[in-house]
Amino acid sequence: MVQGRSQFRRPALIVLLMWLTAPPCLIGQSESIQILGINHDDQNISIQWQGGFPPYRMRVNNGSSSNWVELPDFIRSNSFTTFAAAPVSLFQVRTEFEPLRLTGIYRDSDFVRLQWRGGIPPYKVEARGGMDTNWVELPRLVLEDFYTTPSAGDFKFYRVRVEPDTNGPSAPENLILLAAECNRVVVGWSAGADPAPGAGIKAHQLYRDGRIVKQISTPAAFILDSDLIPGRSYEYSLTSIDRAGNESGQSVPLAVTLPQCSANGTNGGPGVTLAWDASEEPEVVGYIVHWGREPGAYPWQMDVMQTTEIAIADLESNVPYFFVVTAYDRDGIESEPSAVVACIPP
């Protein structure tokens, strides 16, 4: 059983590896909105329109049923771009607007809870006393349609107003190549920031060679990019998108050159084998391999004792796995983990 952490030198871990097309685009639209153009290439679909008034909502359909799915985000411009490989062939644009109004105020001895409808988040809640003329802003912006605050003070009146967030978040940092095979890579990064009074980061957008590839919802900070060309070089960058729809500038780019595929179409033999350098600390008596499907979250582990190479089987195909190794002494005190490595089982 692990009892604590020590300052052992981290094991140097290496990994020995063994080894999605776009439908045609059709458009639906509301009567008050006119579609001006559709640009469709191998990577993206871009739609432009006029009429109505922002914010807009976009609904999509895969063309095989009558069920439409509404995208969760407001669109504040007269254009929309999405990844072309998404299973979508029908798009519908409509105006989205509802006046902001309070729908309920509930109070007890400890708290006051407000509820409302309409408007566009984020919101700001204000309060004042019975005889006051000045409104006091209550702490924090609100992304939901409710707010709970302690009932302390002499506040008698409350109101909610829209607080536009027009400041973009910071770009992601520290892009790193976590794994590369002949036709796919795993890229990781450090998340961008949107400090108060910002609406908060909701996603990061991945660009490959200047084109949008896909959007990754937080808190995920890695992505598997597939269907690449063996031996080709690619340049990746990311942006941050906050909950108000503001996008940051692009991060410092990461250049990646893929290896050629082996003769049998894979990058190695069956199984995944991990190997690492033995610790030079004399008190080290064994190692523990930790792995999972997200960096920093390792639900599986294996005590390999003094072995410095181990084969791990029964992993799911085409899913990124992340590995670290720790060393431990006779008292069960475990070192800090090694640098993370990733692999993609065939």
Protein backbone atom coordinates (compact mmCIF):
# COMPACT_ATOMS: atom_id res chain seq x y z
CA MET A 1 0.00 0.00 0.00
CA VAL A 2 1.34 3.43 -0.95
CA GLN A 3 1.92 5.58 2.14
CA GLY A 4 3.26 8.76 0.62
CA ARG A 5 5.53 10.35 -1.96
CA SER A 6 9.29 10.64 -1.99
CA GLN A 7 11.79 12.48 -4.14
CA PHE A 8 13.03 9.43 -6.10
CA ARG A 9 14.28 10.20 -9.55
CA ARG A 10 11.42 9.64 -11.96
CA PRO A 11 11.72 6.57 -14.20
CA ALA A 12 12.35 7.45 -17.84
CA LEU A 13 9.52 5.70 -19.64
CA ILE A 14 9.43 4.80 -23.33
CA VAL A 15 6.78 2.89 -25.22
CA LEU A 16 7.28 0.24 -27.87
CA LEU A 17 4.15 0.21 -30.02
CA MET A 18 2.79 -2.76 -31.79
CA TRP A 19 0.89 -1.97 -33.54
CA LEU A 20 -13.39 8.99 -40.21
CA THR A 21 -15.66 11.39 -44.98
CA ALA A 22 -18.13 14.05 -45.54
CA PRO A 23 -21.70 13.59 -46.92
CA PRO A 24 -23.18 16.08 -49.38
CA CYS A 25 -24.49 19.25 -47.76
CA LEU A 26 -28.14 20.28 -48.10
CA ILE A 27 -29.69 23.26 -46.37
CA GLY A 28 -32.94 23.96 -44.61
CA GLN A 29 -33.79 27.45 -43.42
CA SER A 30 -36.45 29.55 -41.74
CA GLU A 31 -38.60 31.84 -43.91
CA SER A 32 -37.00 35.08 -42.67
CA ILE A 33 -33.41 33.97 -43.32
CA GLN A 34 -31.84 33.63 -46.76
CA ILE A 35 -28.88 31.34 -47.33
CA LEU A 36 -26.23 33.18 -49.36
CA GLY A 37 -23.64 30.49 -49.88
CA ILE A 38 -22.21 27.13 -48.90
CA ASN A 39 -18.50 26.39 -49.13
CA HIS A 40 -17.63 22.71 -48.82
CA ASP A 41 -14.15 21.19 -48.99
CA ASP A 42 -12.49 18.08 -47.56
CA GLN A 43 -12.15 19.66 -44.13
CA ASN A 44 -14.96 22.14 -43.43
CA ILE A 45 -18.45 23.25 -44.36
CA SER A 46 -19.06 27.00 -44.15
CA ILE A 47 -22.54 28.53 -44.40
CA GLN A 48 -23.39 32.23 -44.85
CA TRP A 49 -26.85 33.83 -44.62
CA GLN A 50 -28.69 37.13 -44.30
CA GLY A 51 -31.90 38.22 -42.62
CA GLY A 52 -33.32 37.69 -39.18
CA PHE A 53 -31.27 39.10 -36.34
CA PRO A 54 -28.69 37.63 -33.96
CA PRO A 55 -28.36 35.55 -31.96
CA TYR A 56 -29.12 32.59 -34.22
CA ARG A 57 -29.60 28.90 -33.57
CA MET A 58 -28.44 26.09 -35.85
CA ARG A 59 -30.26 22.77 -36.17
CA VAL A 60 -28.74 19.76 -37.94
CA ASN A 61 -30.00 16.49 -39.38
CA ASN A 62 -28.10 13.51 -40.76
CA GLY A 63 -30.57 13.19 -43.63
CA SER A 64 -31.83 9.72 -42.68
CA SER A 65 -34.67 10.68 -40.31
CA SER A 66 -37.05 13.50 -39.39
CA ASN A 67 -35.27 14.19 -36.11
CA TRP A 68 -33.43 17.53 -35.89
CA VAL A 69 -30.75 18.20 -33.28
CA GLU A 70 -30.24 21.76 -32.05
CA LEU A 71 -26.64 22.80 -31.47
CA PRO A 72 -26.16 24.17 -27.94
CA ASP A 73 -24.39 27.41 -28.84
CA PHE A 74 -25.74 30.78 -29.95
CA ILE A 75 -24.36 32.13 -33.23
CA ARG A 76 -23.81 35.88 -33.21
CA SER A 77 -22.56 36.34 -36.79
CA ASN A 78 -24.10 35.55 -40.18
CA SER A 79 -21.89 32.54 -40.79
CA PHE A 80 -21.16 29.12 -39.37
CA THR A 81 -18.30 26.66 -39.95
CA THR A 82 -18.24 23.00 -38.94
CA PHE A 83 -16.03 19.97 -39.52
CA ALA A 84 -17.01 18.33 -42.81
CA ALA A 85 -16.61 14.76 -41.53
CA ALA A 86 -19.51 15.17 -39.10
CA PRO A 87 -22.49 12.92 -40.04
CA VAL A 88 -24.65 15.92 -41.02
CA SER A 89 -26.27 16.69 -44.37
CA LEU A 90 -29.07 19.16 -43.45
CA PHE A 91 -28.70 22.51 -41.70
CA GLN A 92 -31.40 24.92 -40.54
CA VAL A 93 -30.83 28.47 -39.28
CA ARG A 94 -33.33 30.37 -37.16
CA THR A 95 -33.43 33.54 -35.10
CA GLU A 96 -33.19 33.01 -31.36
CA PHE A 97 -34.46 35.71 -29.04
CA GLU A 98 -36.57 35.90 -25.92
CA PRO A 99 -36.80 38.95 -23.63
CA LEU A 100 -35.21 38.55 -20.22
CA ARG A 101 -37.73 38.34 -17.39
CA LEU A 102 -37.79 37.06 -13.82
CA THR A 103 -40.04 34.07 -13.30
CA GLY A 104 -39.66 33.53 -9.58
CA ILE A 105 -38.14 34.79 -6.32
CA TYR A 106 -38.00 32.34 -3.39
CA ARG A 107 -36.76 33.40 0.02
CA ASP A 108 -36.26 31.77 3.40
CA SER A 109 -34.26 32.74 6.47
CA ASP A 110 -30.94 31.80 4.88
CA PHE A 111 -31.10 32.23 1.10
CA VAL A 112 -32.79 34.02 -1.76
CA ARG A 113 -33.16 32.13 -5.05
CA LEU A 114 -33.96 33.89 -8.32
CA GLN A 115 -35.10 32.26 -11.55
CA TRP A 116 -35.57 33.82 -14.98
CA ARG A 117 -36.02 33.17 -18.69
CA GLY A 118 -34.70 34.73 -21.88
CA GLY A 119 -31.72 36.87 -22.69
CA ILE A 120 -28.26 35.57 -23.51
CA PRO A 121 -25.80 34.47 -20.81
CA PRO A 122 -23.75 35.49 -18.97
CA TYR A 123 -26.01 37.39 -16.57
CA LYS A 124 -25.41 39.82 -13.72
CA VAL A 125 -27.73 39.92 -10.67
CA GLU A 126 -28.29 43.22 -8.85
CA ALA A 127 -30.10 44.08 -5.61
CA ARG A 128 -31.10 47.15 -3.58
CA GLY A 129 -32.86 48.01 -0.34
CA GLY A 130 -36.39 49.32 0.02
CA MET A 131 -35.41 53.00 0.21
CA ASP A 132 -32.21 52.85 -1.85
CA THR A 133 -31.91 54.16 -5.37
CA ASN A 134 -28.56 52.54 -6.15
CA TRP A 135 -28.37 48.96 -7.33
CA VAL A 136 -25.58 46.74 -5.95
CA GLU A 137 -24.01 44.10 -8.17
CA LEU A 138 -23.94 40.69 -6.49
CA PRO A 139 -20.79 38.56 -6.90
CA ARG A 140 -19.95 36.57 -10.06
CA LEU A 141 -21.42 36.31 -13.52
CA VAL A 142 -24.10 33.67 -14.03
CA LEU A 143 -24.27 31.26 -16.96
CA GLU A 144 -27.40 29.45 -15.73
CA ASP A 145 -30.96 30.80 -15.49
CA PHE A 146 -30.98 30.87 -11.68
CA TYR A 147 -29.00 32.44 -8.85
CA THR A 148 -28.85 31.71 -5.12
CA THR A 149 -27.47 34.23 -2.64
CA PRO A 150 -27.44 34.53 1.17
CA SER A 151 -30.41 36.55 2.41
CA ALA A 152 -28.24 38.67 4.73
CA GLY A 153 -28.56 42.43 4.33
CA ASP A 154 -31.47 44.79 3.70
CA PHE A 155 -32.07 43.93 0.07
CA LYS A 156 -35.73 44.08 -0.94
CA PHE A 157 -35.54 44.24 -4.72
CA TYR A 158 -33.64 42.14 -7.23
CA ARG A 159 -33.11 42.34 -10.96
CA VAL A 160 -31.20 40.44 -13.63
CA ARG A 161 -29.48 41.93 -16.65
CA VAL A 162 -27.44 40.58 -19.52
CA GLU A 163 -23.72 41.13 -19.06
CA PRO A 164 -22.09 40.71 -22.48
CA ASP A 165 -18.76 38.92 -22.43
CA THR A 166 -16.81 40.30 -25.37
CA ASN A 167 -13.30 39.49 -24.13
CA GLY A 168 -11.66 36.47 -25.70
CA PRO A 169 -9.92 33.87 -23.53
CA SER A 170 -6.21 33.09 -23.70
CA ALA A 171 -4.90 30.54 -26.19
CA PRO A 172 -3.91 27.02 -25.09
CA GLU A 173 -0.24 26.47 -24.36
CA ASN A 174 2.39 23.72 -24.36
CA LEU A 175 1.16 21.72 -27.35
CA ILE A 176 2.87 18.33 -27.26
CA LEU A 177 2.89 15.22 -29.42
CA LEU A 178 1.86 12.36 -27.12
CA ALA A 179 1.81 9.57 -29.71
CA ALA A 180 2.34 9.23 -33.46
CA GLU A 181 1.65 6.36 -35.81
CA CYS A 182 1.75 6.27 -39.57
CA ASN A 183 -1.81 7.58 -39.97
CA ARG A 184 -2.80 9.13 -36.61
CA VAL A 185 -1.50 11.20 -33.74
CA VAL A 186 -2.43 12.12 -30.20
CA VAL A 187 -1.88 15.80 -29.35
CA GLY A 188 -2.07 17.23 -25.82
CA TRP A 189 -2.01 20.79 -24.44
CA SER A 190 -2.46 23.02 -21.40
CA ALA A 191 -5.90 24.63 -21.33
CA GLY A 192 -6.46 28.31 -21.99
CA ALA A 193 -7.91 30.61 -19.33
CA ASP A 194 -10.88 32.98 -19.15
CA PRO A 195 -10.59 34.69 -15.75
CA ALA A 196 -13.48 36.51 -14.10
CA PRO A 197 -15.60 38.22 -15.20
CA GLY A 198 -15.29 35.94 -18.21
CA ALA A 199 -17.86 33.27 -18.98
CA GLY A 200 -15.33 30.43 -18.67
CA ILE A 201 -13.71 28.08 -21.20
CA LYS A 202 -16.14 25.60 -22.75
CA ALA A 203 -14.00 24.04 -25.49
CA HIS A 204 -10.79 24.09 -27.50
CA GLN A 205 -10.76 24.10 -31.29
CA LEU A 206 -8.12 22.09 -33.15
CA TYR A 207 -6.63 23.40 -36.41
CA ARG A 208 -4.61 21.24 -38.78
CA ASP A 209 -2.65 23.15 -41.43
CA GLY A 210 -4.81 26.20 -40.75
CA ARG A 211 -8.16 24.41 -41.12
CA ILE A 212 -10.62 23.53 -38.36
CA VAL A 213 -10.54 19.82 -37.57
CA LYS A 214 -12.80 19.46 -34.54
CA GLN A 215 -13.90 21.03 -31.26
CA ILE A 216 -12.96 19.38 -27.97
CA SER A 217 -15.15 20.10 -24.94
CA THR A 218 -13.45 20.84 -21.63
CA PRO A 219 -12.03 19.43 -19.45
CA ALA A 220 -10.43 17.15 -22.08
CA ALA A 221 -6.93 18.35 -23.02
CA PHE A 222 -5.92 15.86 -25.70
CA ILE A 223 -7.24 14.66 -29.05
CA LEU A 224 -6.78 11.68 -31.37
CA ASP A 225 -6.53 12.87 -35.00
CA SER A 226 -6.96 10.01 -37.48
CA ASP A 227 -6.99 9.28 -41.21
CA LEU A 228 -3.71 11.08 -41.86
CA ILE A 229 -1.25 10.42 -44.71
CA PRO A 230 1.84 8.35 -43.79
CA GLY A 231 5.13 10.22 -44.06
CA ARG A 232 3.46 13.63 -44.37
CA SER A 233 4.16 16.66 -42.14
CA TYR A 234 1.28 18.49 -40.42
CA GLU A 235 1.07 21.67 -38.35
CA TYR A 236 -1.35 21.78 -35.42
CA SER A 237 -2.60 24.71 -33.38
CA LEU A 238 -5.49 25.31 -31.00
CA THR A 239 -7.79 28.10 -29.87
CA SER A 240 -9.89 28.47 -26.73
CA ILE A 241 -13.64 29.18 -26.95
CA ASP A 242 -15.52 30.59 -23.96
CA ARG A 243 -19.19 30.05 -23.11
CA ALA A 244 -20.09 33.39 -24.66
CA GLY A 245 -18.69 32.24 -28.01
CA ASN A 246 -15.48 34.31 -27.97
CA GLU A 247 -12.49 32.59 -29.55
CA SER A 248 -8.86 33.22 -28.65
CA GLY A 249 -6.01 33.58 -31.07
CA GLN A 250 -4.22 30.43 -32.17
CA SER A 251 -1.57 28.81 -30.01
CA VAL A 252 2.07 28.40 -30.92
CA PRO A 253 1.97 25.72 -33.65
CA LEU A 254 3.22 22.17 -33.27
CA ALA A 255 4.86 20.53 -36.31
CA VAL A 256 4.45 16.75 -36.66
CA THR A 257 5.95 14.40 -39.27
CA LEU A 258 4.37 10.96 -39.44
CA PRO A 259 6.41 7.78 -39.92
CA GLN A 260 5.82 5.45 -42.84
CA CYS A 261 3.61 2.44 -42.22
CA SER A 262 5.27 -0.94 -41.91
CA ALA A 263 4.86 -3.54 -44.63
CA ASN A 264 1.94 -5.24 -42.89
CA GLY A 265 0.09 -1.93 -42.41
CA THR A 266 0.81 -1.53 -38.71
CA ASN A 267 3.51 0.09 -36.64
CA GLY A 268 4.58 -3.04 -34.77
CA GLY A 269 3.54 -6.47 -33.54
CA PRO A 270 0.57 -7.49 -31.37
CA GLY A 271 0.32 -6.04 -27.86
CA VAL A 272 1.71 -2.92 -26.20
CA THR A 273 5.11 -3.15 -24.52
CA LEU A 274 6.40 -0.55 -22.07
CA ALA A 275 10.08 -0.21 -21.18
CA TRP A 276 11.92 2.22 -18.92
CA ASP A 277 15.34 2.89 -17.43
CA ALA A 278 16.00 1.46 -13.98
CA SER A 279 16.21 4.00 -11.18
CA GLU A 280 19.69 4.81 -9.90
CA GLU A 281 18.39 5.31 -6.35
CA PRO A 282 19.63 2.39 -4.15
CA GLU A 283 16.47 2.28 -2.02
CA VAL A 284 14.18 1.56 -4.98
CA VAL A 285 12.87 -2.03 -4.86
CA GLY A 286 10.12 -1.97 -7.52
CA TYR A 287 7.94 -0.15 -10.01
CA ILE A 288 4.23 0.40 -10.58
CA VAL A 289 2.78 0.98 -14.04
CA HIS A 290 -0.31 3.23 -14.12
CA TRP A 291 -2.52 3.76 -17.19
CA GLY A 292 -5.85 5.18 -18.29
CA ARG A 293 -7.64 6.88 -21.16
CA GLU A 294 -6.93 10.46 -20.07
CA PRO A 295 -3.65 12.08 -19.00
CA GLY A 296 -3.54 12.30 -15.22
CA ALA A 297 -6.42 9.83 -14.67
CA TYR A 298 -5.09 6.30 -14.24
CA PRO A 299 -7.70 3.83 -12.96
CA TRP A 300 -5.52 0.80 -13.75
CA GLN A 301 -2.17 -0.09 -12.24
CA MET A 302 0.20 -3.03 -12.09
CA ASP A 303 3.01 -3.70 -9.61
CA VAL A 304 5.78 -5.15 -11.78
CA MET A 305 8.32 -5.34 -8.93
CA GLN A 306 11.88 -5.03 -10.32
CA THR A 307 10.95 -5.57 -13.97
CA THR A 308 11.71 -2.67 -16.32
CA GLU A 309 9.73 -3.96 -19.29
CA ILE A 310 6.14 -5.19 -19.36
CA ALA A 311 3.59 -6.19 -22.02
CA ILE A 312 -0.01 -5.05 -21.45
CA ALA A 313 -2.81 -6.76 -23.36
CA ASP A 314 -6.63 -6.52 -23.54
CA LEU A 315 -6.67 -2.82 -24.45
CA GLU A 316 -9.42 -1.42 -26.64
CA SER A 317 -8.46 -0.89 -30.27
CA ASN A 318 -8.10 2.60 -31.75
CA VAL A 319 -8.38 4.31 -28.36
CA PRO A 320 -5.52 6.41 -26.89
CA TYR A 321 -4.03 5.10 -23.64
CA PHE A 322 -1.72 7.09 -21.36
CA PHE A 323 0.99 5.51 -19.20
CA VAL A 324 3.28 6.57 -16.34
CA VAL A 325 5.63 4.59 -14.11
CA THR A 326 6.44 5.20 -10.44
CA ALA A 327 9.18 3.69 -8.27
CA TYR A 328 8.73 2.60 -4.64
CA ASP A 329 10.96 1.68 -1.70
CA ARG A 330 10.71 -1.04 0.99
CA ASP A 331 8.24 1.06 3.01
CA GLY A 332 5.88 1.35 0.06
CA ILE A 333 6.60 5.05 -0.42
CA GLU A 334 6.02 5.87 -4.07
CA SER A 335 7.91 8.36 -6.24
CA GLU A 336 6.40 11.04 -8.42
CA PRO A 337 5.30 9.63 -11.81
CA SER A 338 7.47 9.56 -14.89
CA ALA A 339 6.65 11.67 -17.91
CA VAL A 340 3.44 10.51 -19.56
CA VAL A 341 3.57 8.54 -22.80
CA ALA A 342 0.66 7.52 -25.00
CA CYS A 343 -0.09 4.75 -27.45
CA ILE A 344 -2.98 3.73 -29.70
CA PRO A 345 -3.55 -0.04 -29.76
CA PRO A 346 -4.41 -1.40 -33.23
